[in-house]
Amino acid sequence: MGNTSCINCNNLYSGNYCPNCGQSSHEGKINAHYFLHDIPHSIFHIDKGFFYTLKSMFTRPGYMIEEYLQGKRVKHFRPFSYVVIMSAICTFIIKGIEWATAKVFISNNPGVAAPINDNFFAHYFSLFIFIMIPVASLITWLTFYKRKYNYWEHFLANTYIAAQLNIILLLIRLVGLVVVLFTHKINNIDFTWFLIVFMMGFLFIYGSVFGVLMRANNKILKLTIILSIMNSLLAMLYLGGFSLAGLLK
């Protein structure tokens, strides 16, 4: 019998890795050093847990992130890897959807140019989401600053959430393509409609994730009020970001 209890499967062993599941014995709290190691690792390595993480972020996002923060990381894809790959995949697919949308419009409106939004972030919204991670993390951390998670652990949670926001954007663009197929019109995928749908999904994800992470020692009513305040601050942050990025025109 070893003298180390595996965080992931509770197997007793000695050494750097659990022989039962492969969990490292050196997993600790999330801090700045973790991210300095995670970024280069994320760029040059593809771990095996991508699809498990993708599924978990749809079905149990708060519990999945909680497990990762607790050190149960063998099954999960690293956060920086996940957001980079999801951003790249979603951007590629969205570019294809935008191309198809323009083609459908032109084929049904001969001689009329398809409306184009020339704003940089309108074409690379995933980059905008990525840039917002540090500030969103500051808001969630300050909202729950008396709780057990430090800023970098909030940064990790926000990184996973940012990846899912890309999927919301992709779905909105897909709906826009369907609308053009049936109406033969482009309203620049009306930004007001886009904003409402995106923010609803945005606030739902944040509420569900931090509702789980901060559920301990909090009465439901108190937690609901705190989450509402947090989501209001996040909504103002993103609306301010939209304005500064030139998206609110």
Protein backbone atom coordinates (compact mmCIF):
# COMPACT_ATOMS: atom_id res chain seq x y z
CA MET A 1 0.00 0.00 0.00
CA GLY A 2 1.31 3.46 -0.85
CA ASN A 3 1.23 6.57 1.25
CA THR A 4 -0.57 8.86 -1.22
CA SER A 5 -4.33 8.86 -1.77
CA CYS A 6 -5.28 9.68 -5.36
CA ILE A 7 -7.47 12.81 -5.58
CA ASN A 8 -9.29 11.40 -8.60
CA CYS A 9 -10.02 7.74 -7.66
CA ASN A 10 -8.88 7.44 -3.99
CA ASN A 11 -6.39 4.70 -4.88
CA LEU A 12 -3.42 4.46 -2.47
CA TYR A 13 -0.03 4.54 -4.21
CA SER A 14 3.50 5.92 -4.14
CA GLY A 15 5.17 7.93 -6.91
CA ASN A 16 4.29 10.86 -9.16
CA TYR A 17 1.27 9.32 -10.90
CA CYS A 18 -1.56 7.06 -9.80
CA PRO A 19 -1.13 3.65 -11.50
CA ASN A 20 -4.90 3.16 -11.48
CA CYS A 21 -6.04 6.28 -13.38
CA GLY A 22 -2.92 8.30 -14.22
CA GLN A 23 -3.73 11.30 -11.98
CA SER A 24 -0.66 13.37 -11.04
CA SER A 25 0.23 13.52 -7.35
CA HIS A 26 1.35 17.14 -7.76
CA GLU A 27 -1.97 18.77 -8.62
CA GLY A 28 -2.52 21.79 -6.40
CA LYS A 29 -4.44 25.03 -6.27
CA ILE A 30 -4.92 27.10 -9.39
CA ASN A 31 -2.51 30.07 -9.39
CA ALA A 32 -0.38 32.19 -11.75
CA HIS A 33 2.26 29.43 -12.04
CA TYR A 34 -0.44 27.00 -13.19
CA PHE A 35 -1.35 29.23 -16.14
CA LEU A 36 2.29 29.91 -17.05
CA HIS A 37 2.68 26.15 -17.40
CA ASP A 38 -0.74 25.56 -18.96
CA ILE A 39 -0.38 28.02 -21.87
CA PRO A 40 2.67 26.43 -23.57
CA HIS A 41 1.37 22.95 -22.72
CA SER A 42 -1.98 23.81 -24.30
CA ILE A 43 -0.41 24.98 -27.54
CA PHE A 44 1.82 21.95 -28.07
CA HIS A 45 -0.22 19.10 -26.56
CA ILE A 46 -3.67 17.70 -27.28
CA ASP A 47 -5.02 15.77 -24.29
CA LYS A 48 -7.52 12.96 -24.52
CA GLY A 49 -10.43 14.57 -22.67
CA PHE A 50 -11.73 17.05 -25.26
CA PHE A 51 -15.06 15.38 -26.04
CA TYR A 52 -15.67 14.45 -22.40
CA THR A 53 -15.13 18.09 -21.46
CA LEU A 54 -17.34 19.29 -24.31
CA LYS A 55 -20.16 17.01 -23.18
CA SER A 56 -19.71 17.96 -19.52
CA MET A 57 -19.83 21.69 -20.30
CA PHE A 58 -23.27 21.11 -21.83
CA THR A 59 -24.68 18.74 -19.23
CA ARG A 60 -22.98 19.68 -15.93
CA PRO A 61 -20.69 22.70 -16.39
CA GLY A 62 -20.57 23.81 -12.75
CA TYR A 63 -19.82 20.33 -11.42
CA MET A 64 -17.18 19.71 -14.11
CA ILE A 65 -15.33 22.94 -13.28
CA GLU A 66 -15.65 22.17 -9.57
CA GLU A 67 -14.03 18.77 -10.11
CA TYR A 68 -11.17 20.38 -12.01
CA LEU A 69 -10.61 22.94 -9.26
CA GLN A 70 -10.58 20.12 -6.69
CA GLY A 71 -7.76 18.42 -8.61
CA LYS A 72 -9.76 15.74 -10.43
CA ARG A 73 -8.25 16.56 -13.83
CA VAL A 74 -7.44 13.29 -15.58
CA LYS A 75 -10.69 13.15 -17.57
CA HIS A 76 -10.83 16.85 -18.40
CA PHE A 77 -9.28 18.85 -21.22
CA ARG A 78 -7.08 21.69 -20.01
CA PRO A 79 -8.90 25.06 -20.04
CA PHE A 80 -6.53 27.03 -22.26
CA SER A 81 -6.44 24.19 -24.79
CA TYR A 82 -10.21 23.97 -24.71
CA VAL A 83 -10.90 27.67 -25.30
CA VAL A 84 -8.28 27.96 -28.06
CA ILE A 85 -9.56 24.92 -29.95
CA MET A 86 -13.24 25.78 -29.48
CA SER A 87 -12.59 29.36 -30.62
CA ALA A 88 -10.74 28.14 -33.71
CA ILE A 89 -13.40 25.54 -34.60
CA CYS A 90 -16.30 27.92 -34.07
CA THR A 91 -14.62 30.75 -35.99
CA PHE A 92 -13.98 28.42 -38.93
CA ILE A 93 -17.57 27.16 -38.97
CA ILE A 94 -18.99 30.68 -38.55
CA LYS A 95 -16.92 31.88 -41.52
CA GLY A 96 -18.48 29.08 -43.57
CA ILE A 97 -21.98 30.03 -42.36
CA GLU A 98 -21.38 33.69 -43.25
CA TRP A 99 -20.18 32.67 -46.72
CA ALA A 100 -23.24 30.46 -47.22
CA THR A 101 -25.54 33.22 -45.96
CA ALA A 102 -24.11 35.72 -48.44
CA LYS A 103 -24.37 33.19 -51.29
CA VAL A 104 -28.03 32.46 -50.52
CA PHE A 105 -28.83 36.16 -50.36
CA ILE A 106 -27.06 36.98 -53.65
CA SER A 107 -28.68 34.06 -55.48
CA ASN A 108 -32.13 35.28 -54.44
CA ASN A 109 -31.41 39.00 -54.92
CA PRO A 110 -29.55 39.34 -58.26
CA GLY A 111 -27.57 42.54 -58.55
CA VAL A 112 -27.83 43.37 -54.85
CA ALA A 113 -24.71 43.18 -52.70
CA ALA A 114 -25.01 41.29 -49.42
CA PRO A 115 -24.86 43.62 -46.38
CA ILE A 116 -21.46 43.39 -44.71
CA ASN A 117 -20.46 44.47 -41.21
CA ASP A 118 -16.88 45.74 -41.58
CA ASN A 119 -16.21 45.85 -37.82
CA PHE A 120 -13.20 43.67 -36.94
CA PHE A 121 -14.83 42.07 -33.89
CA ALA A 122 -18.00 41.35 -35.86
CA HIS A 123 -15.88 38.93 -37.89
CA TYR A 124 -13.72 37.71 -35.01
CA PHE A 125 -16.14 37.77 -32.09
CA SER A 126 -14.34 34.79 -30.56
CA LEU A 127 -11.32 37.01 -30.05
CA PHE A 128 -13.50 39.57 -28.29
CA ILE A 129 -14.78 36.86 -25.93
CA PHE A 130 -11.20 35.73 -25.27
CA ILE A 131 -10.04 39.27 -24.46
CA MET A 132 -12.87 39.67 -21.92
CA ILE A 133 -11.78 36.66 -19.80
CA PRO A 134 -9.43 38.54 -17.38
CA VAL A 135 -11.96 41.29 -16.63
CA ALA A 136 -14.91 38.90 -16.28
CA SER A 137 -12.75 36.84 -13.90
CA LEU A 138 -12.09 39.93 -11.80
CA ILE A 139 -15.83 40.57 -11.49
CA THR A 140 -16.70 37.01 -10.47
CA TRP A 141 -13.79 36.93 -8.00
CA LEU A 142 -14.72 40.25 -6.40
CA THR A 143 -18.36 39.15 -6.17
CA PHE A 144 -17.30 36.06 -4.19
CA TYR A 145 -14.01 37.33 -2.74
CA LYS A 146 -14.75 35.88 0.71
CA ARG A 147 -15.18 32.39 -0.74
CA LYS A 148 -12.46 29.75 -1.12
CA TYR A 149 -11.52 30.31 -4.78
CA ASN A 150 -8.70 32.70 -5.70
CA TYR A 151 -8.53 34.94 -8.79
CA TRP A 152 -6.74 32.36 -10.93
CA GLU A 153 -9.34 29.72 -10.12
CA HIS A 154 -11.99 32.20 -11.26
CA PHE A 155 -9.86 32.78 -14.37
CA LEU A 156 -9.98 29.05 -15.06
CA ALA A 157 -13.78 28.92 -14.66
CA ASN A 158 -14.19 31.92 -16.96
CA THR A 159 -11.89 30.32 -19.54
CA TYR A 160 -14.14 27.27 -19.78
CA ILE A 161 -17.22 29.51 -19.94
CA ALA A 162 -15.68 31.60 -22.74
CA ALA A 163 -15.34 28.46 -24.84
CA GLN A 164 -19.07 27.77 -24.48
CA LEU A 165 -19.96 31.35 -25.44
CA ASN A 166 -18.43 30.62 -28.84
CA ILE A 167 -20.97 27.84 -29.29
CA ILE A 168 -23.82 30.25 -28.51
CA LEU A 169 -22.46 32.58 -31.20
CA LEU A 170 -22.26 29.71 -33.70
CA LEU A 171 -25.88 28.73 -33.05
CA ILE A 172 -27.03 32.33 -33.54
CA ARG A 173 -25.24 32.50 -36.90
CA LEU A 174 -26.78 29.18 -37.90
CA VAL A 175 -30.26 30.48 -37.10
CA GLY A 176 -29.43 33.57 -39.19
CA LEU A 177 -28.62 31.33 -42.17
CA VAL A 178 -31.94 29.50 -41.79
CA VAL A 179 -33.77 32.86 -41.69
CA VAL A 180 -32.09 33.94 -44.95
CA LEU A 181 -32.98 30.60 -46.57
CA PHE A 182 -36.67 31.21 -45.91
CA THR A 183 -36.95 35.01 -46.18
CA HIS A 184 -34.16 35.73 -48.72
CA LYS A 185 -33.33 38.82 -46.64
CA ILE A 186 -30.42 39.83 -44.42
CA ASN A 187 -30.99 42.30 -41.63
CA ASN A 188 -27.32 42.00 -40.65
CA ILE A 189 -28.71 39.31 -38.34
CA ASP A 190 -30.34 42.18 -36.44
CA PHE A 191 -27.90 43.01 -33.64
CA THR A 192 -30.63 43.71 -31.09
CA TRP A 193 -31.94 40.17 -31.54
CA PHE A 194 -28.39 38.81 -31.49
CA LEU A 195 -27.61 40.72 -28.29
CA ILE A 196 -30.72 39.47 -26.47
CA VAL A 197 -30.14 35.81 -27.39
CA PHE A 198 -26.40 35.94 -26.69
CA MET A 199 -26.82 37.63 -23.32
CA MET A 200 -29.55 35.20 -22.25
CA GLY A 201 -27.25 32.25 -22.94
CA PHE A 202 -24.33 34.13 -21.40
CA LEU A 203 -26.13 34.84 -18.13
CA PHE A 204 -27.57 31.32 -17.94
CA ILE A 205 -24.10 29.75 -18.20
CA TYR A 206 -22.60 32.07 -15.60
CA GLY A 207 -25.52 31.54 -13.23
CA SER A 208 -25.43 27.76 -13.54
CA VAL A 209 -21.63 27.50 -13.12
CA PHE A 210 -21.24 29.85 -10.16
CA GLY A 211 -24.50 28.65 -8.64
CA VAL A 212 -22.78 25.27 -8.22
CA LEU A 213 -19.34 26.60 -7.25
CA MET A 214 -20.75 28.90 -4.56
CA ARG A 215 -23.61 26.77 -3.26
CA ALA A 216 -21.85 25.73 -0.02
CA ASN A 217 -22.93 27.62 3.11
CA ASN A 218 -25.27 29.85 1.11
CA LYS A 219 -29.03 29.91 1.44
CA ILE A 220 -30.81 29.75 -1.90
CA LEU A 221 -32.28 33.25 -1.62
CA LYS A 222 -28.95 34.84 -0.66
CA LEU A 223 -27.11 33.01 -3.43
CA THR A 224 -29.76 34.01 -5.97
CA ILE A 225 -29.37 37.67 -5.01
CA ILE A 226 -25.57 37.52 -5.22
CA LEU A 227 -25.70 35.75 -8.59
CA SER A 228 -28.14 38.37 -9.88
CA ILE A 229 -25.73 41.14 -8.84
CA MET A 230 -22.82 39.30 -10.47
CA ASN A 231 -24.73 38.76 -13.70
CA SER A 232 -25.79 42.41 -13.78
CA LEU A 233 -22.14 43.48 -13.47
CA LEU A 234 -21.11 41.01 -16.17
CA ALA A 235 -23.88 42.24 -18.46
CA MET A 236 -22.70 45.84 -18.02
CA LEU A 237 -19.13 44.72 -18.67
CA TYR A 238 -20.04 43.05 -21.95
CA LEU A 239 -22.30 45.87 -23.08
CA GLY A 240 -19.48 48.31 -22.35
CA GLY A 241 -17.14 46.01 -24.26
CA PHE A 242 -19.55 45.89 -27.21
CA SER A 243 -19.63 49.67 -27.24
CA LEU A 244 -15.85 50.09 -27.04
CA ALA A 245 -15.36 47.46 -29.75
CA GLY A 246 -17.74 49.35 -32.04
CA LEU A 247 -20.33 46.57 -32.09
CA LEU A 248 -23.19 48.74 -30.78
CA LYS A 249 -23.80 50.72 -33.97
